[in-house]
Each structure stands twice: as structure tokens, then as C-alpha cells.
Amino acid sequence: MSGLSFTCNEVGVRHVGAQSGGQPALRDVSIVVEAGEQVALIGPSGAGKTTLLSALSAALRPSSGSVDIGSKDPWQLSGRKLRSLRSQLFLAPQVPPLPPRQRVATAVLAGRLPGWSLMKSFRSLLFTADAPVAYQALQAFSLGEKLWYRVDRLSGGERQRVSLARSMVSDADALLIDEPLSALDPALAEQTLRALINHAQQHSKTLICSLHQVELALDHFPRVIGLREGELIFDLLSNEITPDAIRELYFGYEDEANATSVAPFVSSHGNSDEPPKHSTRCI
């Protein structure tokens, strides 16, 4: 397992049904993510973070520009090779599509479906295989005791963590995670993010994670990409990000009244002598 690299070259995306002349979801975004990197995406709601993750997972074809995944343009591949490439990618949406009547163990092990034969996939619905593997993944998120629960007995935050446990059992080389902390309290958010990053590092997987929790992004990811209104605002090491960069990303430089509200998010990351702060305050 060595991760996958991603190269976006002036990627633009305009969603089907978008108003003619309206602003695209992504506009001329160019980034390179090396295999095995851990990168956070931040930015206001509607900035294009989810759209970028969809493009990186070969689930959404760019309207302009190109996305190379592992040095391959997915949209130039045959159907069989495209399916093979997609099996190396795990996209975890913010709202996980978990069947409500399914057992948690089965839901987690669905992360292995791309590598299973049709017969084994069918058998797993009737007789749960590899339950210890599912249990170990759930334990990383303090959910081991929920192994045999039905999904519809879980809270929203528990369902979110079950989806992340699914990513841990997959054979994917790259994990693309969309807002994994939105339904979690601060303590669980910290634990969940640590579990994801530790797993990616231990298995040399590429991890690209969108977050609204700015300080957690700065605390835990060596590199942070900022998007606003579909455009790339910055692509920096976390210890290079200044209050001005965050203010531009979320408010624009003209909004000086908000300058003090964003300073705490970066004061402990190479730009101040203050001791580190740990919170999950969102913008």
C-alpha cells in the first residue's frame, strides 16, 4: 500500500442544471497531492470542497481542465480500467448512505466489496464474514460494542463514524473524506480525526479531508488547502498560514471587523509565542 497521487490542472466544474452564466462550482483549480500525503481542505460552505473531492474520486468529470489519479486520466480509461482505478479510491460522504436495517458489522465490511467476488459479496449479506476486522475498525472510533446493532439504532454521529470505520477496512490507496466531524462533539471530533490520520500514516494511504473545524485542520494536517467560491485561495503548510490568510478565505480582506475573530485559529501554528489552543470551533 503506497497511496495514490493526484494532479489537478486548471480544473473547472459546472454542475448539470446550474444556471447559464452562473458561477461554476470549481474554477481553474490546480493542485498536486503526492502519494501518501495527508491534506485538509477548508473554506466556507459552498466553496467547492465536496465538488473537488468528487472530482478527485473520479465520480465527477471536470467540465474543463484535467484530473490525473496515479498518473492516469480516469476519463481516458476503458470501463474496466476505470472501475479498477475507482476501487483504489474511497469516498466517504458527509451523510453516509447506510441501509437502516443493516447490521453495523455488515455496513462496515461493505468497504471491502470492491475486492470481493459477486458470490462472496452476496454471502456476506447472509453470513457476516471477517467480523473481527469490523470490530477492530469500530474500536478505533469507540464503537466496538455496536458491532451487531442495526444501523437505524445509531445516532447521526455514530453513523458517521461507522462510515469512517468502513474506510479503514477498505483496500483503497486513497481516502477522500467529506466533513467527517459535522455530527460529533469536540472530544469525539479530536479522537476521530486522530484515528483517521494514524490509519493513513500507518498504511501509507493518501488522505484528503474537508473540514469546517479550522483549528483541527491546522493542528493535525501538515498541509492545508483553502477554497472560496470555487477558487483556490491558498495551498500552504499549516505553520505558514496567517490570520490574514484565514480572514481572506472566510471574510475577505475588506472585512477588518472580523480580523480578531479568526486570529485564534492560527495563533498557535508558527505565528505566535502563545501556547497551543485546542478546540473544535467552526467557522
C-alpha atoms as a PDB file:
ATOM      1  CA  MET A   1       0.000   0.000   0.000  1.00  0.00           C
ATOM      2  CA  SER A   2       1.674   3.204  -1.138  1.00  0.00           C
ATOM      3  CA  GLY A   3      -1.074   5.748  -1.615  1.00  0.00           C
ATOM      4  CA  LEU A   4      -2.107   7.494  -4.812  1.00  0.00           C
ATOM      5  CA  SER A   5      -1.026  10.814  -6.242  1.00  0.00           C
ATOM      6  CA  PHE A   6      -3.434  13.439  -7.617  1.00  0.00           C
ATOM      7  CA  THR A   7      -2.796  16.229 -10.099  1.00  0.00           C
ATOM      8  CA  CYS A   8      -5.450  18.824 -10.881  1.00  0.00           C
ATOM      9  CA  ASN A   9      -4.631  21.040 -13.854  1.00  0.00           C
ATOM     10  CA  GLU A  10      -6.899  24.108 -14.111  1.00  0.00           C
ATOM     11  CA  VAL A  11      -9.946  22.039 -13.145  1.00  0.00           C
ATOM     12  CA  GLY A  12     -13.334  23.598 -13.650  1.00  0.00           C
ATOM     13  CA  VAL A  13     -16.674  22.016 -12.769  1.00  0.00           C
ATOM     14  CA  ARG A  14     -20.115  23.276 -13.652  1.00  0.00           C
ATOM     15  CA  HIS A  15     -22.875  21.082 -12.278  1.00  0.00           C
ATOM     16  CA  VAL A  16     -25.616  19.839 -14.569  1.00  0.00           C
ATOM     17  CA  GLY A  17     -28.639  22.075 -14.136  1.00  0.00           C
ATOM     18  CA  ALA A  18     -26.610  25.091 -12.990  1.00  0.00           C
ATOM     19  CA  GLN A  19     -27.928  28.412 -14.237  1.00  0.00           C
ATOM     20  CA  SER A  20     -26.443  29.604 -17.504  1.00  0.00           C
ATOM     21  CA  GLY A  21     -23.867  32.243 -16.736  1.00  0.00           C
ATOM     22  CA  GLY A  22     -23.823  31.324 -13.050  1.00  0.00           C
ATOM     23  CA  GLN A  23     -20.642  30.772 -11.115  1.00  0.00           C
ATOM     24  CA  PRO A  24     -19.090  27.292 -11.572  1.00  0.00           C
ATOM     25  CA  ALA A  25     -18.591  25.016  -8.575  1.00  0.00           C
ATOM     26  CA  LEU A  26     -14.839  24.954  -9.303  1.00  0.00           C
ATOM     27  CA  ARG A  27     -12.813  27.360 -11.428  1.00  0.00           C
ATOM     28  CA  ASP A  28      -9.236  26.799 -12.650  1.00  0.00           C
ATOM     29  CA  VAL A  29      -8.099  24.798  -9.613  1.00  0.00           C
ATOM     30  CA  SER A  30      -4.547  23.439  -9.907  1.00  0.00           C
ATOM     31  CA  ILE A  31      -3.060  21.332  -7.108  1.00  0.00           C
ATOM     32  CA  VAL A  32      -0.717  18.362  -6.737  1.00  0.00           C
ATOM     33  CA  VAL A  33      -1.067  15.850  -3.880  1.00  0.00           C
ATOM     34  CA  GLU A  34       1.736  13.328  -3.598  1.00  0.00           C
ATOM     35  CA  ALA A  35       1.113   9.674  -2.781  1.00  0.00           C
ATOM     36  CA  GLY A  36       0.825   9.156   0.975  1.00  0.00           C
ATOM     37  CA  GLU A  37       0.212  12.829   1.834  1.00  0.00           C
ATOM     38  CA  GLN A  38      -2.380  13.966   4.392  1.00  0.00           C
ATOM     39  CA  VAL A  39      -4.095  17.194   3.290  1.00  0.00           C
ATOM     40  CA  ALA A  40      -7.012  19.195   4.704  1.00  0.00           C
ATOM     41  CA  LEU A  41      -9.475  21.210   2.611  1.00  0.00           C
ATOM     42  CA  ILE A  42     -11.057  24.205   4.339  1.00  0.00           C
ATOM     43  CA  GLY A  43     -13.289  27.070   3.263  1.00  0.00           C
ATOM     44  CA  PRO A  44     -16.795  28.489   3.651  1.00  0.00           C
ATOM     45  CA  SER A  45     -19.893  26.470   2.855  1.00  0.00           C
ATOM     46  CA  GLY A  46     -20.315  26.294  -0.901  1.00  0.00           C
ATOM     47  CA  ALA A  47     -16.604  26.812  -1.523  1.00  0.00           C
ATOM     48  CA  GLY A  48     -16.329  23.694  -3.714  1.00  0.00           C
ATOM     49  CA  LYS A  49     -14.743  21.266  -1.235  1.00  0.00           C
ATOM     50  CA  THR A  50     -17.251  18.453  -1.853  1.00  0.00           C
ATOM     51  CA  THR A  51     -17.092  19.031  -5.607  1.00  0.00           C
ATOM     52  CA  LEU A  52     -13.301  18.788  -5.546  1.00  0.00           C
ATOM     53  CA  LEU A  53     -13.448  15.513  -3.599  1.00  0.00           C
ATOM     54  CA  SER A  54     -15.942  14.144  -6.134  1.00  0.00           C
ATOM     55  CA  ALA A  55     -13.623  15.088  -8.992  1.00  0.00           C
ATOM     56  CA  LEU A  56     -10.636  13.512  -7.232  1.00  0.00           C
ATOM     57  CA  SER A  57     -12.587  10.285  -6.713  1.00  0.00           C
ATOM     58  CA  ALA A  58     -13.413  10.011 -10.434  1.00  0.00           C
ATOM     59  CA  ALA A  59     -17.091  10.320  -9.534  1.00  0.00           C
ATOM     60  CA  LEU A  60     -17.480  13.676 -11.307  1.00  0.00           C
ATOM     61  CA  ARG A  61     -15.977  14.557 -14.671  1.00  0.00           C
ATOM     62  CA  PRO A  62     -14.477  18.062 -14.870  1.00  0.00           C
ATOM     63  CA  SER A  63     -16.076  20.487 -17.290  1.00  0.00           C
ATOM     64  CA  SER A  64     -12.618  21.844 -18.093  1.00  0.00           C
ATOM     65  CA  GLY A  65      -9.038  21.008 -17.223  1.00  0.00           C
ATOM     66  CA  SER A  66      -7.947  17.569 -16.089  1.00  0.00           C
ATOM     67  CA  VAL A  67      -7.532  15.370 -13.024  1.00  0.00           C
ATOM     68  CA  ASP A  68      -4.833  12.704 -13.070  1.00  0.00           C
ATOM     69  CA  ILE A  69      -5.048   9.956 -10.452  1.00  0.00           C
ATOM     70  CA  GLY A  70      -1.891   7.925 -10.063  1.00  0.00           C
ATOM     71  CA  SER A  71      -0.626   9.495 -13.318  1.00  0.00           C
ATOM     72  CA  LYS A  72      -3.755   8.341 -15.157  1.00  0.00           C
ATOM     73  CA  ASP A  73      -6.585  10.414 -16.593  1.00  0.00           C
ATOM     74  CA  PRO A  74      -9.626   8.391 -15.444  1.00  0.00           C
ATOM     75  CA  TRP A  75     -11.786   9.709 -18.266  1.00  0.00           C
ATOM     76  CA  GLN A  76      -9.425   8.323 -20.896  1.00  0.00           C
ATOM     77  CA  LEU A  77      -9.576   4.780 -19.492  1.00  0.00           C
ATOM     78  CA  SER A  78     -11.736   1.887 -20.636  1.00  0.00           C
ATOM     79  CA  GLY A  79     -14.712   0.990 -18.473  1.00  0.00           C
ATOM     80  CA  ARG A  80     -12.876  -1.945 -16.891  1.00  0.00           C
ATOM     81  CA  LYS A  81      -9.766   0.085 -16.104  1.00  0.00           C
ATOM     82  CA  LEU A  82     -11.858   2.945 -14.722  1.00  0.00           C
ATOM     83  CA  ARG A  83     -13.625   0.545 -12.352  1.00  0.00           C
ATOM     84  CA  SER A  84     -10.243  -0.812 -11.285  1.00  0.00           C
ATOM     85  CA  LEU A  85      -8.975   2.717 -10.576  1.00  0.00           C
ATOM     86  CA  ARG A  86     -12.102   3.605  -8.618  1.00  0.00           C
ATOM     87  CA  SER A  87     -11.583   0.527  -6.438  1.00  0.00           C
ATOM     88  CA  GLN A  88      -8.376   2.189  -5.209  1.00  0.00           C
ATOM     89  CA  LEU A  89     -10.352   5.237  -4.029  1.00  0.00           C
ATOM     90  CA  PHE A  90     -12.641   5.518  -1.024  1.00  0.00           C
ATOM     91  CA  LEU A  91     -15.008   8.492  -0.941  1.00  0.00           C
ATOM     92  CA  ALA A  92     -16.816   8.983   2.381  1.00  0.00           C
ATOM     93  CA  PRO A  93     -19.694  11.481   2.012  1.00  0.00           C
ATOM     94  CA  GLN A  94     -20.773  13.711   4.872  1.00  0.00           C
ATOM     95  CA  VAL A  95     -24.099  11.839   5.125  1.00  0.00           C
ATOM     96  CA  PRO A  96     -23.229   8.133   4.793  1.00  0.00           C
ATOM     97  CA  PRO A  97     -25.681   6.056   2.706  1.00  0.00           C
ATOM     98  CA  LEU A  98     -26.079   3.217   5.219  1.00  0.00           C
ATOM     99  CA  PRO A  99     -29.117   0.917   4.841  1.00  0.00           C
ATOM    100  CA  PRO A 100     -31.132   1.415   8.065  1.00  0.00           C
ATOM    101  CA  ARG A 101     -31.979  -2.274   8.602  1.00  0.00           C
ATOM    102  CA  GLN A 102     -28.425  -3.464   8.022  1.00  0.00           C
ATOM    103  CA  ARG A 103     -26.206  -4.682  10.851  1.00  0.00           C
ATOM    104  CA  VAL A 104     -23.283  -2.431  11.679  1.00  0.00           C
ATOM    105  CA  ALA A 105     -20.810  -5.264  11.030  1.00  0.00           C
ATOM    106  CA  THR A 106     -22.181  -5.708   7.510  1.00  0.00           C
ATOM    107  CA  ALA A 107     -22.159  -1.964   6.881  1.00  0.00           C
ATOM    108  CA  VAL A 108     -18.504  -1.695   7.872  1.00  0.00           C
ATOM    109  CA  LEU A 109     -17.397  -4.703   5.825  1.00  0.00           C
ATOM    110  CA  ALA A 110     -19.053  -3.193   2.745  1.00  0.00           C
ATOM    111  CA  GLY A 111     -15.813  -1.258   2.494  1.00  0.00           C
ATOM    112  CA  ARG A 112     -14.285  -4.466   1.151  1.00  0.00           C
ATOM    113  CA  LEU A 113     -16.856  -5.026  -1.590  1.00  0.00           C
ATOM    114  CA  PRO A 114     -14.659  -3.712  -4.457  1.00  0.00           C
ATOM    115  CA  GLY A 115     -12.192  -6.531  -3.797  1.00  0.00           C
ATOM    116  CA  TRP A 116     -14.761  -9.306  -3.315  1.00  0.00           C
ATOM    117  CA  SER A 117     -16.314 -11.583  -5.890  1.00  0.00           C
ATOM    118  CA  LEU A 118     -20.052 -11.354  -6.513  1.00  0.00           C
ATOM    119  CA  MET A 119     -20.593 -14.641  -4.648  1.00  0.00           C
ATOM    120  CA  LYS A 120     -18.644 -13.506  -1.567  1.00  0.00           C
ATOM    121  CA  SER A 121     -20.478 -10.164  -1.565  1.00  0.00           C
ATOM    122  CA  PHE A 122     -23.836 -11.977  -1.602  1.00  0.00           C
ATOM    123  CA  ARG A 123     -22.766 -14.406   1.128  1.00  0.00           C
ATOM    124  CA  SER A 124     -21.636 -11.545   3.354  1.00  0.00           C
ATOM    125  CA  LEU A 125     -25.220 -10.245   3.430  1.00  0.00           C
ATOM    126  CA  LEU A 126     -26.384 -13.560   4.892  1.00  0.00           C
ATOM    127  CA  PHE A 127     -23.367 -14.614   6.966  1.00  0.00           C
ATOM    128  CA  THR A 128     -21.106 -11.844   8.194  1.00  0.00           C
ATOM    129  CA  ALA A 129     -17.507 -12.669   7.340  1.00  0.00           C
ATOM    130  CA  ASP A 130     -14.470 -11.048   8.931  1.00  0.00           C
ATOM    131  CA  ALA A 131     -16.400  -9.759  11.947  1.00  0.00           C
ATOM    132  CA  PRO A 132     -13.133  -9.329  13.940  1.00  0.00           C
ATOM    133  CA  VAL A 133     -11.881  -6.956  11.238  1.00  0.00           C
ATOM    134  CA  ALA A 134     -15.051  -4.880  11.513  1.00  0.00           C
ATOM    135  CA  TYR A 135     -14.789  -4.876  15.303  1.00  0.00           C
ATOM    136  CA  GLN A 136     -11.201  -3.639  15.235  1.00  0.00           C
ATOM    137  CA  ALA A 137     -12.128  -0.793  12.868  1.00  0.00           C
ATOM    138  CA  LEU A 138     -15.086   0.186  15.049  1.00  0.00           C
ATOM    139  CA  GLN A 139     -12.908   0.138  18.160  1.00  0.00           C
ATOM    140  CA  ALA A 140     -10.773   2.898  16.668  1.00  0.00           C
ATOM    141  CA  PHE A 141     -13.871   5.091  16.919  1.00  0.00           C
ATOM    142  CA  SER A 142     -15.100   3.731  20.303  1.00  0.00           C
ATOM    143  CA  LEU A 143     -17.943   1.818  18.633  1.00  0.00           C
ATOM    144  CA  GLY A 144     -16.903  -1.794  19.158  1.00  0.00           C
ATOM    145  CA  GLU A 145     -19.963  -2.548  21.286  1.00  0.00           C
ATOM    146  CA  LYS A 146     -22.218  -1.548  18.353  1.00  0.00           C
ATOM    147  CA  LEU A 147     -20.938  -4.354  16.110  1.00  0.00           C
ATOM    148  CA  TRP A 148     -24.246  -6.257  15.959  1.00  0.00           C
ATOM    149  CA  TYR A 149     -26.593  -3.274  16.260  1.00  0.00           C
ATOM    150  CA  ARG A 150     -28.851  -2.313  13.404  1.00  0.00           C
ATOM    151  CA  VAL A 151     -27.898   0.928  11.701  1.00  0.00           C
ATOM    152  CA  ASP A 152     -31.271   2.520  12.474  1.00  0.00           C
ATOM    153  CA  ARG A 153     -30.478   2.260  16.200  1.00  0.00           C
ATOM    154  CA  LEU A 154     -27.459   4.535  15.855  1.00  0.00           C
ATOM    155  CA  SER A 155     -27.254   8.281  16.329  1.00  0.00           C
ATOM    156  CA  GLY A 156     -26.179  10.534  13.472  1.00  0.00           C
ATOM    157  CA  GLY A 157     -22.669  10.809  14.899  1.00  0.00           C
ATOM    158  CA  GLU A 158     -22.405   7.039  15.291  1.00  0.00           C
ATOM    159  CA  ARG A 159     -23.465   6.502  11.678  1.00  0.00           C
ATOM    160  CA  GLN A 160     -20.819   8.956  10.585  1.00  0.00           C
ATOM    161  CA  ARG A 161     -18.143   7.018  12.475  1.00  0.00           C
ATOM    162  CA  VAL A 162     -19.398   3.696  11.073  1.00  0.00           C
ATOM    163  CA  SER A 163     -18.805   5.127   7.599  1.00  0.00           C
ATOM    164  CA  LEU A 164     -15.259   6.047   8.627  1.00  0.00           C
ATOM    165  CA  ALA A 165     -14.697   2.554  10.042  1.00  0.00           C
ATOM    166  CA  ARG A 166     -15.739   1.285   6.608  1.00  0.00           C
ATOM    167  CA  SER A 167     -12.910   3.322   5.087  1.00  0.00           C
ATOM    168  CA  MET A 168     -10.443   1.602   7.420  1.00  0.00           C
ATOM    169  CA  VAL A 169     -11.297  -1.910   6.220  1.00  0.00           C
ATOM    170  CA  SER A 170     -11.172  -0.975   2.543  1.00  0.00           C
ATOM    171  CA  ASP A 171      -8.210  -1.797   0.346  1.00  0.00           C
ATOM    172  CA  ALA A 172      -8.249   1.707  -1.141  1.00  0.00           C
ATOM    173  CA  ASP A 173      -4.950   3.542  -1.568  1.00  0.00           C
ATOM    174  CA  ALA A 174      -6.573   6.961  -1.108  1.00  0.00           C
ATOM    175  CA  LEU A 175      -9.220   8.106   1.373  1.00  0.00           C
ATOM    176  CA  LEU A 176     -11.317  11.127   0.374  1.00  0.00           C
ATOM    177  CA  ILE A 177     -13.328  12.157   3.423  1.00  0.00           C
ATOM    178  CA  ASP A 178     -16.020  14.850   3.344  1.00  0.00           C
ATOM    179  CA  GLU A 179     -16.800  16.645   6.635  1.00  0.00           C
ATOM    180  CA  PRO A 180     -16.296  13.644   8.969  1.00  0.00           C
ATOM    181  CA  LEU A 181     -16.815  15.661  12.174  1.00  0.00           C
ATOM    182  CA  SER A 182     -20.059  17.519  11.487  1.00  0.00           C
ATOM    183  CA  ALA A 183     -22.167  15.414  13.901  1.00  0.00           C
ATOM    184  CA  LEU A 184     -19.542  14.948  16.628  1.00  0.00           C
ATOM    185  CA  ASP A 185     -18.844  16.680  19.926  1.00  0.00           C
ATOM    186  CA  PRO A 186     -15.366  18.211  20.454  1.00  0.00           C
ATOM    187  CA  ALA A 187     -13.847  15.196  22.231  1.00  0.00           C
ATOM    188  CA  LEU A 188     -15.125  12.715  19.646  1.00  0.00           C
ATOM    189  CA  ALA A 189     -14.058  15.019  16.816  1.00  0.00           C
ATOM    190  CA  GLU A 190     -10.479  15.063  18.114  1.00  0.00           C
ATOM    191  CA  GLN A 191     -10.414  11.277  18.627  1.00  0.00           C
ATOM    192  CA  THR A 192     -11.964  10.591  15.211  1.00  0.00           C
ATOM    193  CA  LEU A 193      -9.525  12.772  13.326  1.00  0.00           C
ATOM    194  CA  ARG A 194      -6.553  11.221  15.125  1.00  0.00           C
ATOM    195  CA  ALA A 195      -7.802   7.727  14.254  1.00  0.00           C
ATOM    196  CA  LEU A 196      -8.163   8.612  10.566  1.00  0.00           C
ATOM    197  CA  ILE A 197      -4.749  10.214  10.300  1.00  0.00           C
ATOM    198  CA  ASN A 198      -2.997   7.446  12.256  1.00  0.00           C
ATOM    199  CA  HIS A 199      -4.556   4.832   9.974  1.00  0.00           C
ATOM    200  CA  ALA A 200      -3.493   6.712   6.838  1.00  0.00           C
ATOM    201  CA  GLN A 201       0.054   7.149   8.119  1.00  0.00           C
ATOM    202  CA  GLN A 202       0.451   3.545   9.262  1.00  0.00           C
ATOM    203  CA  HIS A 203      -0.737   2.197   5.907  1.00  0.00           C
ATOM    204  CA  SER A 204       0.865   4.916   3.717  1.00  0.00           C
ATOM    205  CA  LYS A 205      -2.524   5.951   2.341  1.00  0.00           C
ATOM    206  CA  THR A 206      -3.234   9.321   0.806  1.00  0.00           C
ATOM    207  CA  LEU A 207      -5.781  11.215   2.933  1.00  0.00           C
ATOM    208  CA  ILE A 208      -7.656  14.284   1.708  1.00  0.00           C
ATOM    209  CA  CYS A 209     -10.221  15.529   4.217  1.00  0.00           C
ATOM    210  CA  SER A 210     -12.578  18.504   4.060  1.00  0.00           C
ATOM    211  CA  LEU A 211     -13.217  20.222   7.380  1.00  0.00           C
ATOM    212  CA  HIS A 212     -15.073  23.191   8.840  1.00  0.00           C
ATOM    213  CA  GLN A 213     -13.042  22.937  12.062  1.00  0.00           C
ATOM    214  CA  VAL A 214     -10.193  25.259  11.127  1.00  0.00           C
ATOM    215  CA  GLU A 215      -8.058  24.743  14.199  1.00  0.00           C
ATOM    216  CA  LEU A 216      -8.240  20.961  13.929  1.00  0.00           C
ATOM    217  CA  ALA A 217      -7.111  21.234  10.320  1.00  0.00           C
ATOM    218  CA  LEU A 218      -4.142  23.355  11.372  1.00  0.00           C
ATOM    219  CA  ASP A 219      -3.322  21.137  14.356  1.00  0.00           C
ATOM    220  CA  HIS A 220      -3.401  17.777  12.603  1.00  0.00           C
ATOM    221  CA  PHE A 221      -2.580  18.268   8.915  1.00  0.00           C
ATOM    222  CA  PRO A 222       0.849  19.352   7.677  1.00  0.00           C
ATOM    223  CA  ARG A 223      -0.714  20.924   4.579  1.00  0.00           C
ATOM    224  CA  VAL A 224      -3.966  22.872   4.213  1.00  0.00           C
ATOM    225  CA  ILE A 225      -5.739  23.956   1.025  1.00  0.00           C
ATOM    226  CA  GLY A 226      -8.214  26.843   1.182  1.00  0.00           C
ATOM    227  CA  LEU A 227     -11.095  27.175  -1.299  1.00  0.00           C
ATOM    228  CA  ARG A 228     -13.573  30.030  -1.655  1.00  0.00           C
ATOM    229  CA  GLU A 229     -16.350  30.341  -4.249  1.00  0.00           C
ATOM    230  CA  GLY A 230     -14.804  27.576  -6.311  1.00  0.00           C
ATOM    231  CA  GLU A 231     -11.336  29.115  -6.455  1.00  0.00           C
ATOM    232  CA  LEU A 232      -8.044  28.144  -4.859  1.00  0.00           C
ATOM    233  CA  ILE A 233      -7.161  30.830  -2.288  1.00  0.00           C
ATOM    234  CA  PHE A 234      -4.085  29.198  -0.769  1.00  0.00           C
ATOM    235  CA  ASP A 235      -2.154  25.931  -0.650  1.00  0.00           C
ATOM    236  CA  LEU A 236       0.250  26.141   2.295  1.00  0.00           C
ATOM    237  CA  LEU A 237       1.972  24.268   5.061  1.00  0.00           C
ATOM    238  CA  SER A 238      -0.157  24.677   8.173  1.00  0.00           C
ATOM    239  CA  ASN A 239       2.574  26.573  10.028  1.00  0.00           C
ATOM    240  CA  GLU A 240       2.705  29.133   7.201  1.00  0.00           C
ATOM    241  CA  ILE A 241      -0.973  30.086   7.458  1.00  0.00           C
ATOM    242  CA  THR A 242      -1.530  33.534   8.951  1.00  0.00           C
ATOM    243  CA  PRO A 243      -4.626  35.279  10.334  1.00  0.00           C
ATOM    244  CA  ASP A 244      -4.695  37.340   7.141  1.00  0.00           C
ATOM    245  CA  ALA A 245      -4.901  34.155   5.040  1.00  0.00           C
ATOM    246  CA  ILE A 246      -7.812  32.848   7.106  1.00  0.00           C
ATOM    247  CA  ARG A 247      -9.557  36.233   7.022  1.00  0.00           C
ATOM    248  CA  GLU A 248      -9.255  36.383   3.242  1.00  0.00           C
ATOM    249  CA  LEU A 249     -10.560  32.835   2.939  1.00  0.00           C
ATOM    250  CA  TYR A 250     -13.686  33.316   5.049  1.00  0.00           C
ATOM    251  CA  PHE A 251     -14.442  37.035   5.036  1.00  0.00           C
ATOM    252  CA  GLY A 252     -12.260  38.863   2.529  1.00  0.00           C
ATOM    253  CA  TYR A 253      -9.638  41.446   3.438  1.00  0.00           C
ATOM    254  CA  GLU A 254     -12.148  44.269   3.268  1.00  0.00           C
ATOM    255  CA  ASP A 255     -13.927  42.939   6.374  1.00  0.00           C
ATOM    256  CA  GLU A 256     -11.500  44.203   9.005  1.00  0.00           C
ATOM    257  CA  ALA A 257     -14.132  43.891  11.742  1.00  0.00           C
ATOM    258  CA  ASN A 258     -13.677  40.114  11.641  1.00  0.00           C
ATOM    259  CA  ALA A 259      -9.890  40.161  11.947  1.00  0.00           C
ATOM    260  CA  THR A 260      -9.827  39.365  15.650  1.00  0.00           C
ATOM    261  CA  SER A 261     -12.363  36.548  15.298  1.00  0.00           C
ATOM    262  CA  VAL A 262     -10.038  34.466  13.131  1.00  0.00           C
ATOM    263  CA  ALA A 263      -6.701  35.179  14.831  1.00  0.00           C
ATOM    264  CA  PRO A 264      -7.085  32.408  17.484  1.00  0.00           C
ATOM    265  CA  PHE A 265      -7.238  29.774  14.753  1.00  0.00           C
ATOM    266  CA  VAL A 266      -3.669  30.379  13.662  1.00  0.00           C
ATOM    267  CA  SER A 267      -2.006  31.913  16.709  1.00  0.00           C
ATOM    268  CA  SER A 268      -0.530  28.577  17.797  1.00  0.00           C
ATOM    269  CA  HIS A 269       0.794  27.442  14.425  1.00  0.00           C
ATOM    270  CA  GLY A 270       4.121  29.138  13.927  1.00  0.00           C
ATOM    271  CA  ASN A 271       2.817  32.709  14.028  1.00  0.00           C
ATOM    272  CA  SER A 272       2.775  33.458  17.757  1.00  0.00           C
ATOM    273  CA  ASP A 273       4.512  32.630  21.022  1.00  0.00           C
ATOM    274  CA  GLU A 274       1.211  31.729  22.688  1.00  0.00           C
ATOM    275  CA  PRO A 275       0.759  28.119  23.865  1.00  0.00           C
ATOM    276  CA  PRO A 276      -1.300  25.891  21.554  1.00  0.00           C
ATOM    277  CA  LYS A 277      -5.055  26.089  21.868  1.00  0.00           C
ATOM    278  CA  HIS A 278      -7.203  23.026  21.290  1.00  0.00           C
ATOM    279  CA  SER A 279     -10.799  23.480  20.290  1.00  0.00           C
ATOM    280  CA  THR A 280     -13.133  22.443  17.520  1.00  0.00           C
ATOM    281  CA  ARG A 281     -14.668  25.864  16.984  1.00  0.00           C
ATOM    282  CA  CYS A 282     -16.064  26.078  13.479  1.00  0.00           C
ATOM    283  CA  ILE A 283     -16.272  28.907  11.021  1.00  0.00           C
END
